[in-house]
Amino acid sequence: MIPFIELLGRLFASSLETVWSTSNPASVIALVGMVGAIGLVGAMAAAEVNSIVAITASLQVRAHLEHPLEPADRGELLRQSDPDAAGRPRPRAPGLSLPIA
C-alpha cells in the first residue's frame, strides 16, 4: 500500500509541475483526473473500513445471541430464603433480579 501511495504522490507532483510549467489544457485535465482518482481510492477505502466494522459488529452480536441467558431454577430461588440451621434466613445477592420460569 505504501509504494502505491508513493507512486500516486510522485504522479501528482509531476502532473502539478507540468501544469505550472506548460499550462496547456491536457495537463490541467490530467491533474483533475489524478485528483479524482485519489478521491475515488479514498472513498473506496472508507467504504471498505465501514463494511469491515459492520461485519465485526454483526459477528459479535451473533455470538451473544447463540448463548442466551437461561432463567434461574425456581426451586433454587425459593430455597435461598429458607432458614438455615440457626434459624437465620439465608442471604440473597443484593440487587440481583432473576426471572422465575
N, C-alpha and C. Protein backbone atom coordinates (compact mmCIF):
# COMPACT_ATOMS: atom_id res chain seq x y z
N MET A 1 0.84 -1.20 0.00
CA MET A 1 0.00 0.00 0.00
C MET A 1 0.88 1.26 0.00
N ILE A 2 1.96 1.23 0.77
CA ILE A 2 2.84 2.39 0.86
C ILE A 2 3.49 2.71 -0.51
N PRO A 3 4.00 1.70 -1.25
CA PRO A 3 4.55 2.04 -2.57
C PRO A 3 3.50 2.62 -3.51
N PHE A 4 2.26 2.13 -3.41
CA PHE A 4 1.19 2.68 -4.26
C PHE A 4 0.94 4.14 -3.94
N ILE A 5 0.90 4.48 -2.66
CA ILE A 5 0.70 5.87 -2.25
C ILE A 5 1.88 6.74 -2.71
N GLU A 6 3.08 6.18 -2.59
CA GLU A 6 4.25 6.93 -3.05
C GLU A 6 4.19 7.17 -4.57
N LEU A 7 3.75 6.15 -5.31
CA LEU A 7 3.61 6.31 -6.76
C LEU A 7 2.58 7.38 -7.09
N LEU A 8 1.43 7.36 -6.38
CA LEU A 8 0.43 8.39 -6.62
C LEU A 8 0.96 9.78 -6.29
N GLY A 9 1.73 9.89 -5.22
CA GLY A 9 2.32 11.18 -4.86
C GLY A 9 3.27 11.69 -5.92
N ARG A 10 4.10 10.79 -6.45
CA ARG A 10 5.05 11.19 -7.49
C ARG A 10 4.31 11.60 -8.78
N LEU A 11 3.27 10.82 -9.13
CA LEU A 11 2.50 11.19 -10.32
C LEU A 11 1.80 12.53 -10.13
N PHE A 12 1.26 12.76 -8.95
CA PHE A 12 0.60 14.02 -8.66
C PHE A 12 1.59 15.18 -8.72
N ALA A 13 2.79 14.98 -8.17
CA ALA A 13 3.80 16.04 -8.20
C ALA A 13 4.25 16.33 -9.62
N SER A 14 4.44 15.27 -10.43
CA SER A 14 4.87 15.52 -11.81
C SER A 14 3.75 16.18 -12.62
N SER A 15 2.48 15.80 -12.35
CA SER A 15 1.36 16.46 -13.04
C SER A 15 1.27 17.92 -12.64
N LEU A 16 1.46 18.19 -11.36
CA LEU A 16 1.41 19.57 -10.88
C LEU A 16 2.55 20.40 -11.49
N GLU A 17 3.71 19.80 -11.60
CA GLU A 17 4.84 20.51 -12.20
C GLU A 17 4.56 20.80 -13.68
N THR A 18 3.95 19.83 -14.37
CA THR A 18 3.62 20.02 -15.78
C THR A 18 2.58 21.13 -15.95
N VAL A 19 1.59 21.17 -15.06
CA VAL A 19 0.55 22.20 -15.15
C VAL A 19 1.16 23.58 -14.97
N TRP A 20 2.05 23.73 -13.99
CA TRP A 20 2.63 25.05 -13.74
C TRP A 20 3.60 25.48 -14.83
N SER A 21 4.27 24.51 -15.45
CA SER A 21 5.26 24.90 -16.45
C SER A 21 4.64 25.13 -17.83
N THR A 22 3.67 24.31 -18.25
CA THR A 22 3.15 24.45 -19.61
C THR A 22 1.77 25.10 -19.66
N SER A 23 0.96 24.86 -18.70
CA SER A 23 -0.40 25.42 -18.62
C SER A 23 -1.23 25.13 -19.86
N ASN A 24 -1.10 23.93 -20.42
CA ASN A 24 -1.98 23.56 -21.52
C ASN A 24 -3.18 22.78 -20.97
N PRO A 25 -4.28 22.73 -21.71
CA PRO A 25 -5.50 22.08 -21.20
C PRO A 25 -5.33 20.60 -20.89
N ALA A 26 -4.49 19.91 -21.63
CA ALA A 26 -4.30 18.48 -21.40
C ALA A 26 -3.68 18.22 -20.03
N SER A 27 -2.75 19.07 -19.63
CA SER A 27 -2.12 18.87 -18.33
C SER A 27 -3.09 19.19 -17.19
N VAL A 28 -3.95 20.19 -17.40
CA VAL A 28 -4.95 20.51 -16.37
C VAL A 28 -5.94 19.36 -16.23
N ILE A 29 -6.37 18.78 -17.36
CA ILE A 29 -7.28 17.64 -17.32
C ILE A 29 -6.61 16.45 -16.64
N ALA A 30 -5.33 16.24 -16.92
CA ALA A 30 -4.61 15.14 -16.27
C ALA A 30 -4.55 15.35 -14.76
N LEU A 31 -4.32 16.58 -14.33
CA LEU A 31 -4.26 16.87 -12.90
C LEU A 31 -5.62 16.65 -12.23
N VAL A 32 -6.69 17.10 -12.89
CA VAL A 32 -8.03 16.89 -12.35
C VAL A 32 -8.36 15.40 -12.29
N GLY A 33 -7.97 14.66 -13.31
CA GLY A 33 -8.17 13.21 -13.31
C GLY A 33 -7.42 12.53 -12.18
N MET A 34 -6.21 12.99 -11.90
CA MET A 34 -5.42 12.41 -10.81
C MET A 34 -6.08 12.68 -9.47
N VAL A 35 -6.57 13.90 -9.29
CA VAL A 35 -7.26 14.23 -8.03
C VAL A 35 -8.53 13.39 -7.88
N GLY A 36 -9.25 13.21 -8.98
CA GLY A 36 -10.45 12.37 -8.95
C GLY A 36 -10.13 10.92 -8.61
N ALA A 37 -9.04 10.40 -9.17
CA ALA A 37 -8.65 9.02 -8.87
C ALA A 37 -8.28 8.87 -7.40
N ILE A 38 -7.56 9.84 -6.87
CA ILE A 38 -7.20 9.79 -5.45
C ILE A 38 -8.47 9.86 -4.58
N GLY A 39 -9.44 10.67 -4.98
CA GLY A 39 -10.70 10.75 -4.24
C GLY A 39 -11.47 9.45 -4.29
N LEU A 40 -11.50 8.80 -5.46
CA LEU A 40 -12.20 7.51 -5.57
C LEU A 40 -11.53 6.44 -4.71
N VAL A 41 -10.21 6.41 -4.71
CA VAL A 41 -9.49 5.43 -3.88
C VAL A 41 -9.79 5.69 -2.41
N GLY A 42 -9.83 6.95 -2.01
CA GLY A 42 -10.15 7.27 -0.61
C GLY A 42 -11.56 6.87 -0.24
N ALA A 43 -12.51 7.11 -1.13
CA ALA A 43 -13.90 6.73 -0.86
C ALA A 43 -14.05 5.22 -0.78
N MET A 44 -13.36 4.50 -1.66
CA MET A 44 -13.43 3.04 -1.62
C MET A 44 -12.80 2.50 -0.34
N ALA A 45 -11.70 3.10 0.10
CA ALA A 45 -11.07 2.66 1.35
C ALA A 45 -11.99 2.92 2.54
N ALA A 46 -12.66 4.06 2.55
CA ALA A 46 -13.59 4.36 3.65
C ALA A 46 -14.76 3.38 3.65
N ALA A 47 -15.29 3.04 2.47
CA ALA A 47 -16.39 2.08 2.39
C ALA A 47 -15.94 0.70 2.84
N GLU A 48 -14.71 0.33 2.52
CA GLU A 48 -14.19 -0.97 2.94
C GLU A 48 -14.04 -1.04 4.45
N VAL A 49 -13.53 0.00 5.05
CA VAL A 49 -13.40 0.04 6.51
C VAL A 49 -14.77 -0.02 7.17
N ASN A 50 -15.74 0.70 6.60
CA ASN A 50 -17.10 0.69 7.14
C ASN A 50 -17.71 -0.71 7.08
N SER A 51 -17.51 -1.42 5.98
CA SER A 51 -18.07 -2.76 5.86
C SER A 51 -17.38 -3.74 6.81
N ILE A 52 -16.08 -3.58 7.01
CA ILE A 52 -15.37 -4.45 7.95
C ILE A 52 -15.88 -4.23 9.37
N VAL A 53 -16.10 -2.98 9.73
CA VAL A 53 -16.64 -2.68 11.06
C VAL A 53 -18.04 -3.27 11.23
N ALA A 54 -18.87 -3.17 10.20
CA ALA A 54 -20.23 -3.72 10.28
C ALA A 54 -20.21 -5.24 10.39
N ILE A 55 -19.34 -5.89 9.66
CA ILE A 55 -19.24 -7.35 9.74
C ILE A 55 -18.77 -7.77 11.13
N THR A 56 -17.79 -7.08 11.68
CA THR A 56 -17.29 -7.41 13.01
C THR A 56 -18.38 -7.23 14.06
N ALA A 57 -19.14 -6.15 13.96
CA ALA A 57 -20.22 -5.91 14.92
C ALA A 57 -21.29 -6.99 14.82
N SER A 58 -21.64 -7.40 13.60
CA SER A 58 -22.67 -8.42 13.45
C SER A 58 -22.19 -9.76 13.99
N LEU A 59 -20.91 -10.07 13.85
CA LEU A 59 -20.39 -11.33 14.40
C LEU A 59 -20.42 -11.31 15.92
N GLN A 60 -20.14 -10.17 16.52
CA GLN A 60 -20.19 -10.08 17.97
C GLN A 60 -21.61 -10.23 18.48
N VAL A 61 -22.57 -9.64 17.80
CA VAL A 61 -23.97 -9.76 18.21
C VAL A 61 -24.43 -11.21 18.05
N ARG A 62 -24.03 -11.85 16.96
CA ARG A 62 -24.42 -13.24 16.74
C ARG A 62 -23.86 -14.15 17.82
N ALA A 63 -22.63 -13.88 18.26
CA ALA A 63 -22.04 -14.70 19.32
C ALA A 63 -22.84 -14.57 20.62
N HIS A 64 -23.35 -13.38 20.90
CA HIS A 64 -24.15 -13.20 22.11
C HIS A 64 -25.52 -13.86 21.96
N LEU A 65 -26.08 -13.86 20.77
CA LEU A 65 -27.39 -14.46 20.56
C LEU A 65 -27.35 -15.98 20.54
N GLU A 66 -26.20 -16.57 20.23
CA GLU A 66 -26.10 -18.03 20.22
C GLU A 66 -26.15 -18.62 21.62
N HIS A 67 -25.77 -17.86 22.62
CA HIS A 67 -25.76 -18.34 24.00
C HIS A 67 -26.67 -17.45 24.85
N PRO A 68 -27.99 -17.62 24.73
CA PRO A 68 -28.89 -16.76 25.51
C PRO A 68 -28.86 -17.12 26.99
N LEU A 69 -29.27 -16.16 27.81
CA LEU A 69 -29.34 -16.41 29.24
C LEU A 69 -30.51 -17.32 29.54
N GLU A 70 -30.28 -18.31 30.39
CA GLU A 70 -31.35 -19.21 30.77
C GLU A 70 -31.94 -18.74 32.09
N PRO A 71 -33.25 -18.90 32.28
CA PRO A 71 -33.86 -18.45 33.52
C PRO A 71 -33.36 -19.28 34.71
N ALA A 72 -33.36 -18.66 35.87
CA ALA A 72 -32.88 -19.34 37.07
C ALA A 72 -33.86 -20.43 37.49
N ASP A 73 -33.33 -21.44 38.19
CA ASP A 73 -34.15 -22.52 38.69
C ASP A 73 -35.05 -22.00 39.81
N ARG A 74 -36.35 -22.21 39.67
CA ARG A 74 -37.30 -21.66 40.64
C ARG A 74 -37.11 -22.28 42.02
N GLY A 75 -36.89 -23.57 42.06
CA GLY A 75 -36.66 -24.24 43.35
C GLY A 75 -35.44 -23.71 44.06
N GLU A 76 -34.39 -23.42 43.29
CA GLU A 76 -33.17 -22.86 43.89
C GLU A 76 -33.44 -21.48 44.47
N LEU A 77 -34.21 -20.68 43.77
CA LEU A 77 -34.53 -19.34 44.27
C LEU A 77 -35.37 -19.41 45.54
N LEU A 78 -36.31 -20.34 45.59
CA LEU A 78 -37.15 -20.45 46.78
C LEU A 78 -36.38 -21.00 47.98
N ARG A 79 -35.42 -21.87 47.76
CA ARG A 79 -34.62 -22.43 48.87
C ARG A 79 -33.70 -21.38 49.48
N GLN A 80 -33.38 -20.33 48.74
CA GLN A 80 -32.45 -19.33 49.28
C GLN A 80 -33.05 -18.59 50.47
N SER A 81 -34.36 -18.48 50.55
CA SER A 81 -34.96 -17.74 51.66
C SER A 81 -35.31 -18.65 52.83
N ASP A 82 -35.12 -19.97 52.70
CA ASP A 82 -35.38 -20.87 53.81
C ASP A 82 -34.36 -20.61 54.92
N PRO A 83 -34.77 -20.75 56.15
CA PRO A 83 -33.81 -20.52 57.24
C PRO A 83 -32.76 -21.62 57.31
N ASP A 84 -31.60 -21.25 57.78
CA ASP A 84 -30.54 -22.24 57.95
C ASP A 84 -30.71 -22.93 59.30
N ALA A 85 -29.72 -23.70 59.72
CA ALA A 85 -29.82 -24.47 60.96
C ALA A 85 -29.96 -23.58 62.18
N ALA A 86 -29.44 -22.37 62.15
CA ALA A 86 -29.52 -21.46 63.29
C ALA A 86 -30.82 -20.65 63.28
N GLY A 87 -31.64 -20.78 62.25
CA GLY A 87 -32.90 -20.06 62.20
C GLY A 87 -32.82 -18.73 61.47
N ARG A 88 -31.63 -18.36 60.99
CA ARG A 88 -31.49 -17.10 60.25
C ARG A 88 -31.78 -17.34 58.78
N PRO A 89 -32.39 -16.35 58.10
CA PRO A 89 -32.64 -16.56 56.67
C PRO A 89 -31.33 -16.57 55.88
N ARG A 90 -31.31 -17.35 54.87
CA ARG A 90 -30.11 -17.41 54.03
C ARG A 90 -30.02 -16.11 53.22
N PRO A 91 -28.81 -15.58 53.05
CA PRO A 91 -28.68 -14.30 52.33
C PRO A 91 -28.91 -14.47 50.83
N ARG A 92 -29.40 -13.40 50.23
CA ARG A 92 -29.56 -13.33 48.77
C ARG A 92 -28.54 -12.35 48.23
N ALA A 93 -28.29 -12.45 46.97
CA ALA A 93 -27.40 -11.49 46.33
C ALA A 93 -28.11 -10.15 46.25
N PRO A 94 -27.48 -9.07 46.69
CA PRO A 94 -28.18 -7.77 46.66
C PRO A 94 -28.34 -7.25 45.25
N GLY A 95 -29.53 -6.76 44.96
CA GLY A 95 -29.80 -6.13 43.67
C GLY A 95 -29.85 -7.06 42.50
N LEU A 96 -29.92 -8.35 42.72
CA LEU A 96 -29.93 -9.31 41.63
C LEU A 96 -31.37 -9.78 41.40
N SER A 97 -31.90 -9.47 40.25
CA SER A 97 -33.26 -9.92 39.95
C SER A 97 -33.19 -10.91 38.81
N LEU A 98 -33.63 -12.12 39.07
CA LEU A 98 -33.60 -13.19 38.08
C LEU A 98 -35.03 -13.56 37.70
N PRO A 99 -35.28 -13.86 36.47
CA PRO A 99 -36.64 -14.26 36.08
C PRO A 99 -36.95 -15.67 36.60
N ILE A 100 -38.16 -15.87 37.05
CA ILE A 100 -38.58 -17.18 37.54
C ILE A 100 -39.38 -17.84 36.45
N ALA A 101 -38.94 -19.05 36.07
CA ALA A 101 -39.61 -19.76 34.96
C ALA A 101 -40.85 -20.47 35.44
